[in-house]
N, C-alpha and C. Protein backbone atom coordinates (compact mmCIF):
# COMPACT_ATOMS: atom_id res chain seq x y z
N MET A 1 4.18 26.63 2.83
CA MET A 1 3.65 25.59 2.60
C MET A 1 4.51 25.14 4.09
N ASN A 2 3.72 23.86 4.90
CA ASN A 2 3.76 23.29 6.05
C ASN A 2 4.94 22.22 5.63
N GLN A 3 5.33 21.30 5.93
CA GLN A 3 6.18 20.18 5.96
C GLN A 3 5.17 18.98 5.50
N VAL A 4 3.81 19.04 5.91
CA VAL A 4 2.85 18.30 5.66
C VAL A 4 2.63 18.28 4.34
N ASP A 5 2.56 19.27 4.34
CA ASP A 5 2.05 20.07 2.63
C ASP A 5 3.18 19.09 1.91
N MET A 6 4.67 19.38 2.03
CA MET A 6 6.19 19.32 1.23
C MET A 6 5.26 17.88 1.53
N ILE A 7 5.42 16.76 1.96
CA ILE A 7 5.48 15.42 1.81
C ILE A 7 4.49 15.09 1.01
N GLU A 8 3.61 15.15 1.26
CA GLU A 8 2.00 14.94 0.38
C GLU A 8 2.27 15.59 -1.23
N LEU A 9 3.07 16.73 -1.02
CA LEU A 9 2.95 17.70 -3.17
C LEU A 9 4.31 15.92 -3.53
N ALA A 10 5.38 15.90 -2.49
CA ALA A 10 6.34 14.91 -3.12
C ALA A 10 5.87 13.11 -3.74
N GLY A 11 4.53 12.79 -2.87
CA GLY A 11 3.72 11.75 -2.75
C GLY A 11 2.64 11.48 -3.77
N ARG A 12 2.01 12.89 -4.11
CA ARG A 12 1.05 12.65 -4.80
C ARG A 12 1.09 11.76 -6.02
N VAL A 13 0.05 11.10 -5.70
CA VAL A 13 -0.75 9.69 -7.22
C VAL A 13 -2.00 10.59 -7.49
N SER A 14 -2.19 10.85 -8.59
CA SER A 14 -3.87 10.99 -9.25
C SER A 14 -4.73 9.75 -9.34
N SER A 15 -4.83 9.01 -8.15
CA SER A 15 -5.49 7.93 -7.74
C SER A 15 -6.57 8.71 -6.26
N GLU A 16 -6.92 8.11 -5.60
CA GLU A 16 -7.68 7.94 -4.76
C GLU A 16 -7.16 7.28 -3.47
N MET A 17 -7.82 7.05 -1.91
CA MET A 17 -7.09 6.91 -1.22
C MET A 17 -6.94 4.16 -1.37
N HIS A 18 -6.27 3.78 -1.41
CA HIS A 18 -6.44 2.53 -1.71
C HIS A 18 -5.81 2.16 -0.41
N VAL A 19 -6.43 0.79 0.70
CA VAL A 19 -6.91 0.17 1.43
C VAL A 19 -5.37 -0.77 1.21
N GLY A 20 -5.04 -1.10 0.16
CA GLY A 20 -3.91 -2.13 -0.28
C GLY A 20 -2.31 -1.31 -0.02
N SER A 21 -2.70 -0.44 -0.59
CA SER A 21 -1.15 0.71 -0.27
C SER A 21 -1.16 0.79 1.14
N LEU A 22 -2.07 1.29 1.69
CA LEU A 22 -2.56 1.65 3.26
C LEU A 22 -1.81 0.65 4.01
N PHE A 23 -2.02 -0.65 3.45
CA PHE A 23 -1.60 -1.81 4.51
C PHE A 23 -0.64 -1.80 4.00
N PHE A 24 0.70 -2.39 3.18
CA PHE A 24 1.50 -1.94 2.95
C PHE A 24 2.59 -0.95 3.85
N SER A 25 1.83 0.03 3.03
CA SER A 25 2.95 1.06 3.75
C SER A 25 3.10 1.18 5.02
N GLY A 26 1.85 1.02 5.93
CA GLY A 26 1.69 0.71 7.36
C GLY A 26 2.69 -0.45 7.79
N ILE A 27 3.19 -1.84 7.60
CA ILE A 27 3.71 -3.35 7.57
C ILE A 27 5.41 -2.82 6.75
N MET A 28 4.86 -1.93 5.47
CA MET A 28 6.59 -1.92 6.00
C MET A 28 7.02 -0.86 6.59
N PHE A 29 6.48 0.06 7.71
CA PHE A 29 7.00 1.44 8.51
C PHE A 29 7.37 0.25 9.23
N SER A 30 6.22 -0.37 9.96
CA SER A 30 6.76 -1.64 11.57
C SER A 30 7.62 -1.77 11.18
N VAL A 31 8.29 -3.20 10.15
CA VAL A 31 9.01 -3.84 10.02
C VAL A 31 10.28 -2.68 9.83
N GLY A 32 10.59 -1.55 9.09
CA GLY A 32 11.55 -1.05 9.54
C GLY A 32 11.93 -0.07 9.98
N LEU A 33 10.83 0.05 10.99
CA LEU A 33 11.55 0.76 12.39
C LEU A 33 12.16 -0.52 13.23
N VAL A 34 11.44 -1.53 12.87
CA VAL A 34 11.76 -2.28 14.51
C VAL A 34 13.61 -2.83 13.71
N ILE A 35 13.75 -2.73 12.58
CA ILE A 35 15.35 -3.16 12.01
C ILE A 35 15.59 -2.08 12.28
N ALA A 36 15.21 -0.90 12.11
CA ALA A 36 16.51 1.17 11.91
C ALA A 36 16.87 0.88 13.38
N CYS A 37 15.81 0.28 14.93
CA CYS A 37 15.94 0.75 16.04
C CYS A 37 16.85 -0.27 16.52
N ASN A 38 16.72 -0.98 15.72
CA ASN A 38 17.59 -2.49 16.63
C ASN A 38 16.59 -3.19 17.78
N ILE A 39 15.17 -3.64 17.78
CA ILE A 39 14.44 -3.60 18.84
C ILE A 39 14.82 -5.29 19.04
N ALA A 40 15.12 -5.46 20.06
CA ALA A 40 15.56 -7.47 20.40
C ALA A 40 16.79 -8.22 19.17
N GLN A 41 17.37 -7.11 19.13
CA GLN A 41 18.71 -7.42 17.59
C GLN A 41 18.17 -7.53 16.48
N MET A 42 17.79 -7.23 16.50
CA MET A 42 16.45 -7.40 15.53
C MET A 42 17.58 -7.43 13.57
N ALA A 43 18.73 -6.27 13.93
CA ALA A 43 19.71 -6.12 12.64
C ALA A 43 20.42 -6.96 13.10
N ASP A 44 20.96 -7.47 13.76
CA ASP A 44 21.47 -8.46 13.85
C ASP A 44 21.35 -10.24 12.87
N ARG A 45 19.96 -9.78 13.34
CA ARG A 45 18.82 -11.59 12.73
C ARG A 45 18.63 -11.62 11.46
N VAL A 46 18.16 -10.23 11.23
CA VAL A 46 17.77 -9.99 9.70
C VAL A 46 19.36 -10.58 8.78
N PHE A 47 20.63 -9.89 9.27
CA PHE A 47 21.62 -9.76 8.50
C PHE A 47 22.26 -11.36 9.08
N LEU A 48 22.29 -12.17 10.39
CA LEU A 48 22.63 -13.37 9.76
C LEU A 48 21.41 -14.15 9.22
N PHE A 49 20.52 -14.03 8.66
CA PHE A 49 19.45 -14.65 8.43
C PHE A 49 19.94 -15.16 6.50
N LEU A 50 20.17 -13.07 5.82
CA LEU A 50 19.83 -13.33 5.10
C LEU A 50 21.80 -13.35 3.90
N ALA A 51 22.59 -13.00 5.64
CA ALA A 51 24.46 -13.70 5.26
C ALA A 51 24.21 -15.20 4.70
N GLY A 52 23.09 -16.66 5.31
CA GLY A 52 22.93 -17.58 5.01
C GLY A 52 22.25 -17.94 3.83
N VAL A 53 21.70 -17.28 3.45
CA VAL A 53 20.42 -17.51 2.04
C VAL A 53 21.10 -16.75 1.05
N LEU A 54 21.46 -15.64 1.04
CA LEU A 54 22.14 -14.90 0.00
C LEU A 54 23.36 -15.12 -0.71
N PRO A 55 23.59 -15.73 -1.95
CA PRO A 55 24.76 -16.08 -1.96
C PRO A 55 25.80 -14.59 -2.89
N GLY A 56 26.88 -14.91 -2.77
CA GLY A 56 28.00 -13.62 -2.79
C GLY A 56 28.44 -13.47 -1.56
N PRO A 57 29.23 -12.52 -1.57
CA PRO A 57 30.36 -11.57 -0.61
C PRO A 57 28.97 -10.75 0.50
N VAL A 58 28.17 -11.78 1.04
CA VAL A 58 27.38 -10.79 2.06
C VAL A 58 28.17 -10.32 3.39
N GLU A 59 29.25 -11.24 3.91
CA GLU A 59 30.02 -11.42 4.64
C GLU A 59 30.57 -9.45 4.65
N ARG A 60 31.16 -8.55 3.46
CA ARG A 60 31.76 -7.68 3.22
C ARG A 60 30.05 -6.77 4.46
N ALA A 61 29.33 -6.69 3.98
CA ALA A 61 28.50 -5.72 4.14
C ALA A 61 28.22 -5.86 6.05
N THR A 62 27.62 -5.19 7.23
CA THR A 62 27.58 -5.04 8.31
C THR A 62 26.35 -4.42 8.52
N PRO A 63 25.49 -5.01 9.84
CA PRO A 63 24.17 -5.40 10.25
C PRO A 63 24.08 -3.23 10.61
N GLY A 64 24.89 -2.42 10.56
CA GLY A 64 24.61 -0.85 10.81
C GLY A 64 24.27 -0.44 8.85
N SER A 65 24.17 -1.19 7.85
CA SER A 65 24.43 -1.22 6.62
C SER A 65 22.59 -1.65 6.45
N LEU A 66 22.43 -2.51 7.14
CA LEU A 66 21.09 -3.08 6.93
C LEU A 66 20.22 -2.05 7.95
N ARG A 67 20.54 -1.56 9.26
CA ARG A 67 19.89 -0.29 9.38
C ARG A 67 19.62 0.78 8.94
N PHE A 68 20.51 1.04 8.32
CA PHE A 68 20.38 2.21 7.64
C PHE A 68 19.46 1.92 6.19
N ALA A 69 19.45 1.04 5.67
CA ALA A 69 18.44 0.52 4.43
C ALA A 69 17.20 0.61 5.51
N ALA A 70 17.05 -0.32 6.33
CA ALA A 70 15.99 0.03 6.83
C ALA A 70 15.28 1.60 7.29
N GLY A 71 16.23 2.53 7.81
CA GLY A 71 15.57 3.77 7.75
C GLY A 71 15.29 4.42 6.56
N SER A 72 16.07 3.94 5.78
CA SER A 72 15.32 4.65 4.40
C SER A 72 13.61 3.77 3.79
N VAL A 73 13.44 2.30 4.55
CA VAL A 73 12.19 2.24 4.10
C VAL A 73 11.17 3.01 4.79
N THR A 74 11.97 2.85 6.14
CA THR A 74 10.97 3.76 7.20
C THR A 74 10.40 5.16 6.63
N LEU A 75 11.21 6.00 6.12
CA LEU A 75 10.93 7.03 6.17
C LEU A 75 10.34 7.32 4.39
N LEU A 76 10.61 6.27 3.33
CA LEU A 76 9.67 5.99 1.89
C LEU A 76 7.99 5.64 2.45
N SER A 77 8.13 4.97 4.17
CA SER A 77 6.66 4.34 4.01
C SER A 77 5.67 5.12 4.68
N LEU A 78 6.67 5.95 6.14
CA LEU A 78 5.47 7.17 6.38
C LEU A 78 5.13 8.43 5.07
N ILE A 79 6.30 8.74 4.27
CA ILE A 79 5.49 9.49 3.24
C ILE A 79 4.08 9.15 2.62
N GLY A 80 4.50 7.61 2.16
CA GLY A 80 3.35 6.82 1.38
C GLY A 80 1.97 6.56 2.82
N LEU A 81 2.19 6.53 3.65
CA LEU A 81 1.02 6.74 4.93
C LEU A 81 0.86 7.82 4.86
N VAL A 82 1.49 9.46 4.94
CA VAL A 82 0.81 10.16 4.94
C VAL A 82 0.42 10.85 3.72
N VAL A 83 0.55 10.27 2.55
CA VAL A 83 -0.41 10.49 1.63
C VAL A 83 -1.20 10.07 1.46
N GLU A 84 -1.44 9.02 1.83
CA GLU A 84 -2.24 8.12 1.81
C GLU A 84 -3.77 8.36 2.34
N ILE A 85 -3.51 8.86 3.74
CA ILE A 85 -4.25 9.62 4.17
C ILE A 85 -4.71 10.64 4.41
N ARG A 86 -3.99 11.21 3.93
CA ARG A 86 -4.83 13.05 3.38
C ARG A 86 -5.47 12.55 2.35
N MET A 87 -5.15 12.19 1.48
CA MET A 87 -5.83 11.58 0.05
C MET A 87 -6.74 10.90 0.32
N GLY A 88 -7.47 9.70 1.75
CA GLY A 88 -8.54 9.45 2.47
C GLY A 88 -9.64 10.48 2.93
N LEU A 89 -8.63 11.53 3.66
CA LEU A 89 -9.49 12.78 4.40
C LEU A 89 -9.77 13.36 3.44
N THR A 90 -9.80 13.58 2.40
CA THR A 90 -9.77 15.15 1.71
C THR A 90 -11.09 14.56 0.59
């Protein structure tokens, strides 16, 4: 069993490919990748936005923790994209 089959098995659903799910996974992958790779200091900008908007001790977090969370979102959305595309092709 190769890695693509393992990823598909991990995210398998009982339905066929949905365009909305494919679109959502693609958008989340793009946004997560931009924040995780810190393109144009996007992690710092999102962190400053969240620090101004969210209540509570947001100052204890760092842009690095935001980059880690964005990397996790990127990985999960990549799994969703692989599963949806594989379901659509079979």
